[in-house]
Amino acid sequence: MDSKGDLRVAFVLSGAKRFVVRAGLFAGAPAPTGTPQVSDPVITLWEMLDSTEQRHMSAEDVYKALMEAGEDVGLATVYRVLTQFEAAGLVVRHNFDGGHAVFELADGGHHDHMVNVDTSEVIEFMDAEIEKRQREIVAEHGFELVDHNLVLYVRKKK
């Protein structure tokens, strides 16, 4: 398995629930010490993240959405499960300037972000020319690009 092999997600359909089967998330069998179990809150939170149209959500947003859906999950549990998902590579945490952390599913596809400074709306984009130019700049300085994170802070034109 390659270094990212343990970040793959497999879904097992069991009745109406999808269980996350992944390194570090176990259902039924005893897990190594400190490893999260696949519990009802884990499944509920995953299903909500997987089905929502809102791609970038704070822990508070997730909690409110679960409460509105009638789920009995506490805010502390939401934080704990999101942290476990992040550690397992299932979600990515973003700490955009001036705001709190937001989470998005780690779908494996690279993209950059624009953050509306007036509304905190997060807009995803991918531009091949920007990606190409970044690699060129890095190479011009004698480096190899390992990773990057581009965030543009924007405001609607008046």
N, C-alpha and C. Protein backbone atom coordinates (compact mmCIF):
# COMPACT_ATOMS: atom_id res chain seq x y z
N MET A 1 0.85 -1.17 0.00
CA MET A 1 0.00 0.00 0.00
C MET A 1 0.90 1.24 0.00
N ASP A 2 0.61 2.24 -0.85
CA ASP A 2 1.41 3.46 -0.88
C ASP A 2 1.14 4.32 0.34
N SER A 3 1.91 5.41 0.48
CA SER A 3 1.78 6.23 1.69
C SER A 3 0.39 6.83 1.86
N LYS A 4 -0.32 6.99 0.76
CA LYS A 4 -1.68 7.51 0.87
C LYS A 4 -2.71 6.40 0.84
N GLY A 5 -2.26 5.17 0.73
CA GLY A 5 -3.18 4.04 0.66
C GLY A 5 -4.09 3.93 1.85
N ASP A 6 -3.57 4.29 3.04
CA ASP A 6 -4.42 4.19 4.22
C ASP A 6 -5.41 5.33 4.32
N LEU A 7 -5.39 6.26 3.36
CA LEU A 7 -6.35 7.37 3.35
C LEU A 7 -7.56 7.06 2.49
N ARG A 8 -7.58 5.89 1.89
CA ARG A 8 -8.72 5.54 1.05
C ARG A 8 -9.93 5.22 1.92
N VAL A 9 -11.09 5.59 1.43
CA VAL A 9 -12.33 5.34 2.16
C VAL A 9 -13.15 4.31 1.40
N ALA A 10 -13.63 3.32 2.13
CA ALA A 10 -14.54 2.35 1.53
C ALA A 10 -15.86 2.45 2.28
N PHE A 11 -16.93 2.38 1.58
CA PHE A 11 -18.24 2.45 2.20
C PHE A 11 -18.91 1.09 2.10
N VAL A 12 -19.47 0.66 3.20
CA VAL A 12 -20.20 -0.59 3.23
C VAL A 12 -21.65 -0.24 3.50
N LEU A 13 -22.52 -0.60 2.59
CA LEU A 13 -23.93 -0.30 2.75
C LEU A 13 -24.57 -1.38 3.62
N SER A 14 -25.13 -0.96 4.73
CA SER A 14 -25.77 -1.90 5.64
C SER A 14 -27.11 -1.30 6.02
N GLY A 15 -28.17 -1.78 5.40
CA GLY A 15 -29.47 -1.17 5.61
C GLY A 15 -29.44 0.24 5.05
N ALA A 16 -29.84 1.20 5.87
CA ALA A 16 -29.86 2.59 5.41
C ALA A 16 -28.61 3.35 5.85
N LYS A 17 -27.67 2.66 6.51
CA LYS A 17 -26.49 3.35 7.04
C LYS A 17 -25.26 3.01 6.22
N ARG A 18 -24.40 4.01 6.03
CA ARG A 18 -23.10 3.77 5.43
C ARG A 18 -22.08 3.81 6.56
N PHE A 19 -21.28 2.78 6.64
CA PHE A 19 -20.25 2.73 7.67
C PHE A 19 -18.92 3.09 7.04
N VAL A 20 -18.15 3.86 7.73
CA VAL A 20 -16.83 4.21 7.25
C VAL A 20 -15.88 3.09 7.67
N VAL A 21 -15.31 2.44 6.68
CA VAL A 21 -14.37 1.37 6.96
C VAL A 21 -13.01 1.88 6.51
N ARG A 22 -12.10 2.05 7.44
CA ARG A 22 -10.87 2.73 7.13
C ARG A 22 -9.84 2.44 8.22
N ALA A 23 -8.60 2.58 7.90
CA ALA A 23 -7.56 2.42 8.91
C ALA A 23 -7.87 3.37 10.06
N GLY A 24 -7.96 2.83 11.23
CA GLY A 24 -8.22 3.65 12.40
C GLY A 24 -9.68 3.74 12.80
N LEU A 25 -10.61 3.34 11.98
CA LEU A 25 -12.03 3.36 12.34
C LEU A 25 -12.56 1.93 12.22
N PHE A 26 -12.89 1.32 13.35
CA PHE A 26 -13.25 -0.08 13.38
C PHE A 26 -14.70 -0.26 13.82
N ALA A 27 -15.36 -1.23 13.24
CA ALA A 27 -16.73 -1.56 13.64
C ALA A 27 -16.74 -2.98 14.19
N GLY A 28 -17.18 -3.12 15.41
CA GLY A 28 -17.34 -4.45 15.98
C GLY A 28 -16.10 -5.01 16.64
N ALA A 29 -14.98 -5.07 15.94
CA ALA A 29 -13.77 -5.66 16.50
C ALA A 29 -13.07 -4.68 17.42
N PRO A 30 -12.35 -5.19 18.40
CA PRO A 30 -11.60 -4.28 19.28
C PRO A 30 -10.56 -3.52 18.48
N ALA A 31 -10.43 -2.24 18.78
CA ALA A 31 -9.46 -1.40 18.08
C ALA A 31 -8.25 -1.18 18.97
N PRO A 32 -7.12 -0.86 18.38
CA PRO A 32 -5.96 -0.53 19.19
C PRO A 32 -6.28 0.63 20.13
N THR A 33 -5.59 0.71 21.25
CA THR A 33 -5.82 1.76 22.23
C THR A 33 -5.75 3.13 21.56
N GLY A 34 -6.74 3.98 21.88
CA GLY A 34 -6.76 5.33 21.34
C GLY A 34 -7.38 5.45 19.96
N THR A 35 -7.79 4.33 19.37
CA THR A 35 -8.38 4.36 18.04
C THR A 35 -9.89 4.55 18.14
N PRO A 36 -10.45 5.47 17.34
CA PRO A 36 -11.89 5.70 17.44
C PRO A 36 -12.70 4.51 16.94
N GLN A 37 -13.80 4.27 17.60
CA GLN A 37 -14.74 3.23 17.18
C GLN A 37 -15.76 3.84 16.22
N VAL A 38 -16.28 3.04 15.32
CA VAL A 38 -17.38 3.50 14.48
C VAL A 38 -18.64 3.36 15.32
N SER A 39 -19.12 4.50 15.82
CA SER A 39 -20.29 4.53 16.68
C SER A 39 -21.40 5.27 15.96
N ASP A 40 -22.59 5.31 16.58
CA ASP A 40 -23.69 6.04 15.97
C ASP A 40 -23.34 7.50 15.70
N PRO A 41 -22.71 8.24 16.65
CA PRO A 41 -22.37 9.63 16.34
C PRO A 41 -21.38 9.74 15.17
N VAL A 42 -20.44 8.81 15.08
CA VAL A 42 -19.48 8.83 13.97
C VAL A 42 -20.21 8.63 12.65
N ILE A 43 -21.09 7.65 12.61
CA ILE A 43 -21.85 7.36 11.39
C ILE A 43 -22.76 8.54 11.05
N THR A 44 -23.46 9.06 12.04
CA THR A 44 -24.38 10.18 11.83
C THR A 44 -23.64 11.39 11.29
N LEU A 45 -22.50 11.70 11.89
CA LEU A 45 -21.72 12.86 11.45
C LEU A 45 -21.19 12.66 10.05
N TRP A 46 -20.69 11.44 9.77
CA TRP A 46 -20.17 11.17 8.42
C TRP A 46 -21.27 11.30 7.37
N GLU A 47 -22.43 10.73 7.65
CA GLU A 47 -23.54 10.80 6.69
C GLU A 47 -23.94 12.25 6.43
N MET A 48 -23.94 13.07 7.48
CA MET A 48 -24.30 14.47 7.31
C MET A 48 -23.26 15.19 6.45
N LEU A 49 -21.98 15.00 6.73
CA LEU A 49 -20.93 15.65 5.94
C LEU A 49 -20.96 15.18 4.49
N ASP A 50 -21.23 13.89 4.31
CA ASP A 50 -21.22 13.30 2.97
C ASP A 50 -22.41 13.74 2.13
N SER A 51 -23.51 14.14 2.78
CA SER A 51 -24.72 14.46 2.03
C SER A 51 -25.02 15.95 1.93
N THR A 52 -24.33 16.79 2.70
CA THR A 52 -24.64 18.20 2.68
C THR A 52 -24.10 18.89 1.44
N GLU A 53 -24.79 19.92 1.00
CA GLU A 53 -24.31 20.69 -0.14
C GLU A 53 -23.27 21.71 0.30
N GLN A 54 -23.25 22.05 1.57
CA GLN A 54 -22.29 23.01 2.10
C GLN A 54 -20.96 22.29 2.32
N ARG A 55 -19.94 22.64 1.55
CA ARG A 55 -18.67 21.90 1.60
C ARG A 55 -17.77 22.30 2.75
N HIS A 56 -17.90 23.51 3.26
CA HIS A 56 -17.02 24.00 4.31
C HIS A 56 -17.87 24.34 5.53
N MET A 57 -17.73 23.56 6.58
CA MET A 57 -18.56 23.74 7.76
C MET A 57 -17.71 23.79 9.02
N SER A 58 -18.04 24.70 9.92
CA SER A 58 -17.40 24.72 11.22
C SER A 58 -18.03 23.63 12.08
N ALA A 59 -17.40 23.33 13.20
CA ALA A 59 -17.97 22.36 14.13
C ALA A 59 -19.34 22.83 14.59
N GLU A 60 -19.48 24.13 14.79
CA GLU A 60 -20.77 24.69 15.21
C GLU A 60 -21.82 24.53 14.12
N ASP A 61 -21.42 24.72 12.84
CA ASP A 61 -22.34 24.51 11.72
C ASP A 61 -22.82 23.06 11.68
N VAL A 62 -21.88 22.14 11.86
CA VAL A 62 -22.21 20.71 11.86
C VAL A 62 -23.19 20.41 12.99
N TYR A 63 -22.88 20.93 14.17
CA TYR A 63 -23.74 20.72 15.34
C TYR A 63 -25.15 21.25 15.09
N LYS A 64 -25.25 22.47 14.57
CA LYS A 64 -26.57 23.06 14.30
C LYS A 64 -27.34 22.23 13.28
N ALA A 65 -26.67 21.78 12.23
CA ALA A 65 -27.33 20.96 11.20
C ALA A 65 -27.83 19.65 11.80
N LEU A 66 -27.03 19.04 12.67
CA LEU A 66 -27.46 17.80 13.31
C LEU A 66 -28.65 18.04 14.24
N MET A 67 -28.63 19.15 14.99
CA MET A 67 -29.74 19.48 15.88
C MET A 67 -31.02 19.71 15.07
N GLU A 68 -30.89 20.44 13.95
CA GLU A 68 -32.06 20.71 13.09
C GLU A 68 -32.62 19.42 12.50
N ALA A 69 -31.75 18.43 12.32
CA ALA A 69 -32.19 17.13 11.78
C ALA A 69 -32.71 16.21 12.88
N GLY A 70 -32.73 16.72 14.13
CA GLY A 70 -33.26 15.94 15.23
C GLY A 70 -32.29 14.93 15.82
N GLU A 71 -31.01 15.07 15.51
CA GLU A 71 -30.01 14.13 16.02
C GLU A 71 -29.58 14.55 17.42
N ASP A 72 -29.34 13.58 18.27
CA ASP A 72 -28.93 13.84 19.65
C ASP A 72 -27.43 13.65 19.77
N VAL A 73 -26.67 14.64 19.28
CA VAL A 73 -25.22 14.60 19.33
C VAL A 73 -24.76 15.91 19.95
N GLY A 74 -23.90 15.83 20.96
CA GLY A 74 -23.42 17.03 21.64
C GLY A 74 -22.31 17.73 20.87
N LEU A 75 -22.12 19.01 21.17
CA LEU A 75 -21.08 19.79 20.50
C LEU A 75 -19.69 19.21 20.78
N ALA A 76 -19.44 18.75 22.00
CA ALA A 76 -18.15 18.15 22.32
C ALA A 76 -17.90 16.91 21.47
N THR A 77 -18.95 16.13 21.23
CA THR A 77 -18.83 14.94 20.38
C THR A 77 -18.51 15.34 18.95
N VAL A 78 -19.15 16.40 18.46
CA VAL A 78 -18.87 16.89 17.10
C VAL A 78 -17.39 17.25 16.98
N TYR A 79 -16.88 18.02 17.94
CA TYR A 79 -15.46 18.38 17.91
C TYR A 79 -14.57 17.15 17.94
N ARG A 80 -14.89 16.19 18.82
CA ARG A 80 -14.08 14.98 18.95
C ARG A 80 -14.07 14.18 17.66
N VAL A 81 -15.25 13.99 17.06
CA VAL A 81 -15.35 13.18 15.84
C VAL A 81 -14.68 13.88 14.67
N LEU A 82 -14.85 15.20 14.55
CA LEU A 82 -14.19 15.93 13.46
C LEU A 82 -12.67 15.83 13.60
N THR A 83 -12.17 15.89 14.82
CA THR A 83 -10.73 15.75 15.05
C THR A 83 -10.27 14.34 14.67
N GLN A 84 -11.08 13.32 14.98
CA GLN A 84 -10.75 11.95 14.58
C GLN A 84 -10.78 11.81 13.06
N PHE A 85 -11.79 12.40 12.42
CA PHE A 85 -11.85 12.35 10.96
C PHE A 85 -10.63 13.04 10.34
N GLU A 86 -10.23 14.15 10.93
CA GLU A 86 -9.05 14.86 10.42
C GLU A 86 -7.80 13.99 10.58
N ALA A 87 -7.62 13.39 11.74
CA ALA A 87 -6.46 12.53 11.98
C ALA A 87 -6.44 11.34 11.03
N ALA A 88 -7.62 10.84 10.65
CA ALA A 88 -7.72 9.70 9.75
C ALA A 88 -7.65 10.12 8.28
N GLY A 89 -7.58 11.43 8.02
CA GLY A 89 -7.49 11.90 6.63
C GLY A 89 -8.82 11.96 5.92
N LEU A 90 -9.92 11.89 6.65
CA LEU A 90 -11.25 11.93 6.04
C LEU A 90 -11.72 13.35 5.77
N VAL A 91 -11.29 14.29 6.60
CA VAL A 91 -11.64 15.70 6.41
C VAL A 91 -10.37 16.53 6.49
N VAL A 92 -10.44 17.73 5.92
CA VAL A 92 -9.35 18.69 5.98
C VAL A 92 -9.84 19.88 6.77
N ARG A 93 -9.02 20.34 7.70
CA ARG A 93 -9.35 21.53 8.49
C ARG A 93 -8.68 22.73 7.83
N HIS A 94 -9.45 23.81 7.67
CA HIS A 94 -8.91 25.08 7.17
C HIS A 94 -9.10 26.13 8.25
N ASN A 95 -8.07 26.90 8.49
CA ASN A 95 -8.14 28.01 9.42
C ASN A 95 -7.93 29.29 8.63
N PHE A 96 -8.99 29.76 7.99
CA PHE A 96 -8.90 30.97 7.20
C PHE A 96 -8.75 32.17 8.13
N ASP A 97 -7.96 33.16 7.71
CA ASP A 97 -7.72 34.35 8.53
C ASP A 97 -9.02 34.98 9.00
N GLY A 98 -9.00 35.42 10.25
CA GLY A 98 -10.14 36.14 10.80
C GLY A 98 -11.34 35.28 11.11
N GLY A 99 -11.25 33.99 10.92
CA GLY A 99 -12.40 33.13 11.16
C GLY A 99 -12.01 31.91 11.96
N HIS A 100 -12.99 31.10 12.23
CA HIS A 100 -12.75 29.86 12.96
C HIS A 100 -12.48 28.74 11.97
N ALA A 101 -12.11 27.61 12.48
CA ALA A 101 -11.79 26.46 11.63
C ALA A 101 -13.04 25.97 10.92
N VAL A 102 -12.86 25.60 9.66
CA VAL A 102 -13.92 24.93 8.90
C VAL A 102 -13.35 23.63 8.36
N PHE A 103 -14.23 22.68 8.14
CA PHE A 103 -13.84 21.36 7.69
C PHE A 103 -14.49 21.07 6.35
N GLU A 104 -13.78 20.32 5.52
CA GLU A 104 -14.35 19.82 4.27
C GLU A 104 -13.90 18.39 4.07
N LEU A 105 -14.70 17.61 3.37
CA LEU A 105 -14.33 16.24 3.08
C LEU A 105 -13.05 16.21 2.27
N ALA A 106 -12.16 15.30 2.60
CA ALA A 106 -10.91 15.13 1.86
C ALA A 106 -11.20 14.24 0.67
N ASP A 107 -11.62 14.86 -0.41
CA ASP A 107 -12.02 14.09 -1.58
C ASP A 107 -10.85 13.77 -2.51
N GLY A 108 -9.66 14.23 -2.15
CA GLY A 108 -8.49 13.90 -2.95
C GLY A 108 -8.22 14.85 -4.09
N GLY A 109 -9.19 15.66 -4.49
CA GLY A 109 -8.99 16.57 -5.59
C GLY A 109 -8.41 17.89 -5.11
N HIS A 110 -7.37 18.37 -5.79
CA HIS A 110 -6.76 19.64 -5.40
C HIS A 110 -7.63 20.80 -5.86
N HIS A 111 -7.75 21.79 -5.01
CA HIS A 111 -8.41 23.03 -5.36
C HIS A 111 -7.91 24.12 -4.43
N ASP A 112 -8.14 25.34 -4.81
CA ASP A 112 -7.78 26.49 -4.00
C ASP A 112 -9.06 27.14 -3.50
N HIS A 113 -8.92 28.18 -2.69
CA HIS A 113 -10.09 28.80 -2.07
C HIS A 113 -10.09 30.32 -2.21
N MET A 114 -11.28 30.86 -2.32
CA MET A 114 -11.51 32.29 -2.15
C MET A 114 -12.43 32.42 -0.95
N VAL A 115 -12.16 33.39 -0.08
CA VAL A 115 -13.00 33.63 1.08
C VAL A 115 -13.54 35.04 0.98
N ASN A 116 -14.86 35.15 0.94
CA ASN A 116 -15.50 36.46 0.91
C ASN A 116 -15.36 37.07 2.31
N VAL A 117 -14.63 38.20 2.40
CA VAL A 117 -14.34 38.79 3.71
C VAL A 117 -15.57 39.40 4.36
N ASP A 118 -16.62 39.66 3.57
CA ASP A 118 -17.85 40.24 4.14
C ASP A 118 -18.83 39.19 4.65
N THR A 119 -18.84 38.02 4.00
CA THR A 119 -19.84 37.00 4.35
C THR A 119 -19.23 35.71 4.89
N SER A 120 -17.92 35.56 4.80
CA SER A 120 -17.18 34.34 5.17
C SER A 120 -17.49 33.16 4.25
N GLU A 121 -18.19 33.40 3.14
CA GLU A 121 -18.45 32.35 2.17
C GLU A 121 -17.12 31.85 1.59
N VAL A 122 -16.99 30.54 1.45
CA VAL A 122 -15.79 29.93 0.89
C VAL A 122 -16.13 29.41 -0.49
N ILE A 123 -15.35 29.85 -1.48
CA ILE A 123 -15.57 29.45 -2.87
C ILE A 123 -14.35 28.65 -3.31
N GLU A 124 -14.58 27.45 -3.83
CA GLU A 124 -13.50 26.62 -4.34
C GLU A 124 -13.27 26.93 -5.81
N PHE A 125 -12.01 26.87 -6.22
CA PHE A 125 -11.69 27.00 -7.64
C PHE A 125 -10.42 26.23 -7.95
N MET A 126 -10.25 25.91 -9.21
CA MET A 126 -9.04 25.26 -9.69
C MET A 126 -8.69 25.94 -11.00
N ASP A 127 -7.46 26.39 -11.12
CA ASP A 127 -7.02 27.07 -12.33
C ASP A 127 -5.69 26.46 -12.76
N ALA A 128 -5.68 25.79 -13.90
CA ALA A 128 -4.49 25.09 -14.38
C ALA A 128 -3.34 26.06 -14.61
N GLU A 129 -3.62 27.26 -15.06
CA GLU A 129 -2.56 28.24 -15.30
C GLU A 129 -1.87 28.66 -14.00
N ILE A 130 -2.65 28.88 -12.95
CA ILE A 130 -2.06 29.21 -11.64
C ILE A 130 -1.20 28.05 -11.15
N GLU A 131 -1.71 26.83 -11.28
CA GLU A 131 -0.95 25.66 -10.83
C GLU A 131 0.36 25.53 -11.61
N LYS A 132 0.30 25.74 -12.92
CA LYS A 132 1.49 25.67 -13.76
C LYS A 132 2.49 26.75 -13.36
N ARG A 133 2.03 27.95 -13.17
CA ARG A 133 2.91 29.08 -12.83
C ARG A 133 3.58 28.86 -11.47
N GLN A 134 2.86 28.29 -10.52
CA GLN A 134 3.46 28.00 -9.21
C GLN A 134 4.62 27.02 -9.35
N ARG A 135 4.42 25.97 -10.14
CA ARG A 135 5.49 24.99 -10.35
C ARG A 135 6.70 25.64 -11.03
N GLU A 136 6.43 26.52 -11.99
CA GLU A 136 7.52 27.22 -12.68
C GLU A 136 8.32 28.10 -11.72
N ILE A 137 7.62 28.85 -10.88
CA ILE A 137 8.29 29.75 -9.92
C ILE A 137 9.16 28.94 -8.96
N VAL A 138 8.62 27.84 -8.47
CA VAL A 138 9.36 26.98 -7.55
C VAL A 138 10.62 26.46 -8.24
N ALA A 139 10.48 25.97 -9.48
CA ALA A 139 11.62 25.44 -10.23
C ALA A 139 12.66 26.52 -10.51
N GLU A 140 12.22 27.74 -10.83
CA GLU A 140 13.13 28.86 -11.08
C GLU A 140 14.01 29.16 -9.87
N HIS A 141 13.51 28.84 -8.70
CA HIS A 141 14.26 29.07 -7.46
C HIS A 141 15.01 27.82 -7.00
N GLY A 142 14.99 26.77 -7.82
CA GLY A 142 15.75 25.57 -7.52
C GLY A 142 15.08 24.63 -6.53
N PHE A 143 13.76 24.68 -6.48
CA PHE A 143 13.03 23.83 -5.54
C PHE A 143 12.06 22.93 -6.29
N GLU A 144 11.53 21.99 -5.53
CA GLU A 144 10.47 21.10 -6.01
C GLU A 144 9.24 21.38 -5.16
N LEU A 145 8.10 21.56 -5.79
CA LEU A 145 6.87 21.84 -5.06
C LEU A 145 6.38 20.57 -4.36
N VAL A 146 6.23 20.65 -3.05
CA VAL A 146 5.76 19.52 -2.26
C VAL A 146 4.27 19.64 -2.01
N ASP A 147 3.83 20.83 -1.66
CA ASP A 147 2.42 21.08 -1.38
C ASP A 147 2.22 22.59 -1.36
N HIS A 148 1.00 23.02 -1.46
CA HIS A 148 0.71 24.44 -1.32
C HIS A 148 -0.75 24.64 -0.95
N ASN A 149 -1.01 25.83 -0.47
CA ASN A 149 -2.36 26.20 -0.08
C ASN A 149 -2.56 27.65 -0.50
N LEU A 150 -3.44 27.87 -1.45
CA LEU A 150 -3.70 29.22 -1.94
C LEU A 150 -5.09 29.65 -1.49
N VAL A 151 -5.12 30.76 -0.77
CA VAL A 151 -6.39 31.33 -0.31
C VAL A 151 -6.41 32.79 -0.73
N LEU A 152 -7.43 33.16 -1.49
CA LEU A 152 -7.62 34.55 -1.90
C LEU A 152 -8.74 35.13 -1.08
N TYR A 153 -8.51 36.27 -0.47
CA TYR A 153 -9.54 36.95 0.32
C TYR A 153 -10.16 38.00 -0.58
N VAL A 154 -11.48 37.90 -0.77
CA VAL A 154 -12.16 38.70 -1.80
C VAL A 154 -13.36 39.44 -1.23
N ARG A 155 -13.82 40.40 -2.02
CA ARG A 155 -15.03 41.17 -1.70
C ARG A 155 -15.75 41.41 -3.01
N LYS A 156 -17.09 41.30 -3.02
CA LYS A 156 -17.87 41.57 -4.22
C LYS A 156 -17.62 43.00 -4.68
N LYS A 157 -17.50 43.17 -5.99
CA LYS A 157 -17.35 44.51 -6.55
C LYS A 157 -18.64 45.29 -6.34
N LYS A 158 -18.50 46.55 -6.09
CA LYS A 158 -19.70 47.40 -5.90
C LYS A 158 -20.04 48.11 -7.16
